[in-house]
Protein backbone atom coordinates (compact mmCIF):
# COMPACT_ATOMS: atom_id res chain seq x y z
CA MET A 1 -5.55 -14.18 31.35
CA THR A 2 -1.85 -14.12 30.49
CA VAL A 3 0.14 -10.91 30.08
CA ALA A 4 0.29 -11.51 26.32
CA GLU A 5 -3.49 -11.93 26.15
CA GLU A 6 -4.04 -8.77 28.19
CA LYS A 7 -1.69 -6.74 25.99
CA TYR A 8 -3.32 -8.04 22.82
CA GLN A 9 -6.82 -7.26 24.12
CA ALA A 10 -5.66 -3.71 24.95
CA GLU A 11 -4.22 -3.44 21.43
CA LEU A 12 -7.52 -4.53 19.91
CA VAL A 13 -9.43 -1.93 21.94
CA LYS A 14 -7.00 0.83 20.92
CA SER A 15 -7.08 -0.24 17.29
CA GLU A 16 -10.88 -0.29 17.21
CA ARG A 17 -11.09 3.14 18.85
CA ASP A 18 -8.44 4.63 16.52
CA HIS A 19 -10.20 3.30 13.42
CA HIS A 20 -13.49 4.93 14.44
CA THR A 21 -11.85 8.31 15.17
CA PRO A 22 -9.39 8.32 12.32
CA THR A 23 -5.92 8.80 13.72
CA ALA A 24 -2.55 8.87 12.02
CA GLY A 25 -1.82 5.46 13.52
CA ALA A 26 -5.05 3.92 12.25
CA MET A 27 -4.61 5.43 8.79
CA THR A 28 -1.03 4.19 8.68
CA GLY A 29 -2.29 0.70 9.58
CA HIS A 30 -4.33 0.88 6.37
CA ILE A 31 -1.26 2.09 4.48
CA ILE A 32 0.89 -0.78 5.79
CA SER A 33 -1.84 -3.29 4.94
CA ASN A 34 -2.21 -1.86 1.44
CA LEU A 35 1.54 -2.15 0.89
CA VAL A 36 1.62 -5.77 2.09
CA ILE A 37 -1.33 -6.79 -0.09
CA GLN A 38 0.24 -4.87 -3.01
CA GLN A 39 3.36 -7.00 -2.62
CA HIS A 40 1.28 -10.18 -2.98
CA LYS A 41 -0.34 -8.77 -6.11
CA LEU A 42 3.00 -7.70 -7.61
CA ARG A 43 4.39 -11.19 -7.01
CA GLN A 44 1.32 -12.70 -8.64
CA THR A 45 1.99 -10.53 -11.70
CA LEU A 46 5.70 -11.39 -11.69
CA TYR A 47 5.02 -15.12 -11.55
CA TYR A 48 2.16 -15.34 -14.03
CA ALA A 49 2.63 -12.56 -16.60
CA LYS A 50 2.78 -13.72 -20.22
CA GLY A 51 3.50 -11.96 -23.47
CA ILE A 52 5.76 -9.13 -24.53
CA GLU A 53 5.35 -7.29 -21.21
CA ARG A 54 6.93 -10.22 -19.32
CA ASP A 55 10.48 -9.02 -19.96
CA PHE A 56 9.69 -5.59 -18.48
CA ILE A 57 7.94 -7.17 -15.48
CA THR A 58 10.78 -9.61 -14.73
CA ARG A 59 13.30 -6.75 -14.89
CA ARG A 60 11.29 -4.11 -13.00
CA PHE A 61 9.14 -5.88 -10.41
CA PRO A 62 11.85 -7.61 -8.31
CA ALA A 63 13.50 -4.23 -7.57
CA LEU A 64 10.10 -2.67 -6.95
CA LEU A 65 9.21 -5.46 -4.50
CA ALA A 66 12.56 -5.18 -2.70
CA GLU A 67 12.23 -1.41 -2.26
CA GLU A 68 8.60 -1.67 -1.18
CA GLY A 69 9.59 -4.28 1.42
CA LYS A 70 12.22 -1.90 2.83
CA LEU A 71 9.66 0.91 2.96
CA VAL A 72 7.18 -1.31 4.84
CA ASP A 73 9.87 -2.23 7.37
CA ARG A 74 10.85 1.43 7.86
CA LEU A 75 7.22 2.43 8.28
CA ASN A 76 6.58 -0.36 10.80
CA ARG A 77 9.59 0.70 12.87
CA LEU A 78 8.52 4.34 12.72
CA MET A 79 5.04 3.42 13.92
CA LEU A 80 6.50 1.48 16.83
CA ASP A 81 8.71 4.49 17.65
CA GLU A 82 5.50 6.54 17.84
CA GLY A 83 3.92 4.02 20.24
CA GLU A 84 1.39 2.95 17.61
CA VAL A 85 -0.02 -0.49 16.88
CA ILE A 86 0.88 -2.10 13.55
CA PRO A 87 -0.94 -4.86 11.68
CA THR A 88 1.08 -8.08 11.81
CA THR A 89 -1.29 -10.90 10.82
CA SER A 90 -2.79 -11.98 7.51
CA GLU A 91 -6.25 -11.36 8.98
CA GLU A 92 -5.32 -7.77 9.90
CA PHE A 93 -3.75 -7.09 6.50
CA SER A 94 -6.91 -8.34 4.78
CA ARG A 95 -9.21 -6.38 7.10
CA TYR A 96 -7.36 -3.06 6.81
CA SER A 97 -6.31 -3.15 3.15
CA MET A 98 -8.49 -1.41 0.62
CA LEU A 99 -6.87 -3.23 -2.29
CA GLU A 100 -8.73 -6.14 -3.82
CA GLU A 101 -7.09 -9.48 -4.52
CA SER A 102 -8.25 -12.09 -6.99
CA GLY A 103 -6.90 -15.50 -7.80
CA GLN A 104 -8.20 -15.22 -11.34
CA ALA A 105 -6.27 -11.98 -11.93
CA LYS A 106 -3.13 -13.99 -12.66
CA TYR A 107 -4.74 -15.03 -15.96
CA GLU A 108 -5.38 -11.45 -17.10
CA ALA A 109 -3.28 -9.90 -19.85
CA ALA A 110 0.05 -8.59 -18.57
CA ASP A 111 -0.72 -4.99 -19.56
CA ALA A 112 -3.94 -5.18 -17.51
CA LEU A 113 -1.93 -6.48 -14.53
CA ILE A 114 0.54 -3.60 -14.85
CA PHE A 115 -2.32 -1.10 -15.00
CA ALA A 116 -3.92 -2.75 -11.96
CA ALA A 117 -0.66 -2.04 -10.09
CA VAL A 118 -0.89 1.59 -11.22
CA LYS A 119 -4.42 1.85 -9.85
CA ASP A 120 -3.35 0.23 -6.58
CA PHE A 121 -0.50 2.71 -6.18
CA ALA A 122 -2.96 5.57 -6.78
CA THR A 123 -5.37 4.11 -4.21
CA GLN A 124 -2.55 3.86 -1.70
CA ASN A 125 -1.74 7.53 -2.20
CA LEU A 126 -5.31 8.46 -1.24
CA PHE A 127 -4.69 6.87 2.16
CA ILE A 128 -1.21 8.34 2.41
CA SER A 129 -2.58 11.85 1.80
CA ARG A 130 -5.00 11.36 4.68
CA GLY A 131 -2.23 9.90 6.83
CA ILE A 132 0.00 12.91 6.19
CA ALA A 133 -2.75 15.33 7.25
CA LEU A 134 -3.51 13.32 10.40
CA ALA A 135 0.18 12.92 11.33
CA GLU A 136 0.76 16.66 10.98
CA LYS A 137 -2.37 17.42 13.02
CA GLU A 138 -1.16 15.05 15.75
CA GLN A 139 2.37 16.50 15.58
CA LYS A 140 3.90 13.22 14.49
CA TYR A 141 6.35 14.97 12.22
CA ALA A 142 8.67 12.04 11.53
CA LEU A 143 5.67 9.98 10.43
CA ALA A 144 4.39 12.83 8.25
CA ALA A 145 7.83 13.23 6.65
CA PHE A 146 8.09 9.52 5.90
CA LEU A 147 4.58 9.39 4.46
CA LYS A 148 5.47 12.31 2.16
CA GLU A 149 8.52 10.36 0.97
CA LEU A 150 6.36 7.27 0.42
CA TYR A 151 3.80 9.34 -1.50
CA GLY A 152 6.53 10.57 -3.84
CA TRP A 153 7.93 7.07 -4.32
CA LEU A 154 4.50 5.73 -5.27
CA LYS A 155 3.98 8.64 -7.70
CA GLN A 156 7.29 7.68 -9.32
CA GLN A 157 6.13 4.06 -9.68
CA ILE A 158 2.88 5.24 -11.27
CA PHE A 159 4.85 7.36 -13.75
CA CYS A 160 7.24 4.51 -14.64
CA LEU A 161 4.53 1.90 -15.15
CA GLN A 162 2.24 4.29 -17.02
CA SER A 163 5.17 5.32 -19.27
CA PHE A 164 5.81 1.68 -20.10
CA LEU A 165 2.14 1.29 -21.03
CA GLY A 166 2.37 4.37 -23.26
CA ASN A 167 0.18 6.47 -20.96
CA GLU A 168 0.48 9.79 -19.22
CA ALA A 169 0.85 9.42 -15.44
CA ALA A 170 -2.82 10.21 -14.67
CA ASP A 171 -4.40 8.35 -17.61
CA GLY A 172 -7.27 6.14 -16.48
CA LEU A 173 -7.03 7.20 -12.84
CA THR A 174 -9.83 9.74 -12.67
CA GLU A 175 -13.53 8.90 -12.46
CA GLU A 176 -14.34 10.91 -15.60
CA GLU A 177 -11.86 8.84 -17.64
CA ASP A 178 -13.17 5.58 -16.17
CA GLU A 179 -16.68 6.48 -17.45
CA ASP A 180 -15.44 7.05 -21.04
């Protein structure tokens, strides 16, 4: 076995162990994967959106994608600083992301695509909340601080997109409202 193969096998063992005993590193792997998959979904919306919402999307989404890309890079570097393993392959992103992708989504109405982004940002914040708690418990304070910043940034995106849709920030994001 080569050195690269040995290191990768050790990474897989650590990753598997960390995901079964939730650690800040494992939770942050989910967060990174969610962000990467979110970027694919935002691009899908940007490329395929039709109707009156298209102007808003073509103005807002490129900046959103650029900032999200910078945040992913910062988070990856921070994880490496902490000695943690980060997802780097399409297979890992798909396995660790909790966001759902769909090829047919590109044909949905643009307002539905914008609201899907809102829901994805809210889902991401569920993982980020858990990541913050785990990072603080493990005394990974720089990671906890960054995750708090990321949480706030995602809340801001939710507010902006919901405002465009004519909604309050939390509209449609609670289970009780989904049942109505």
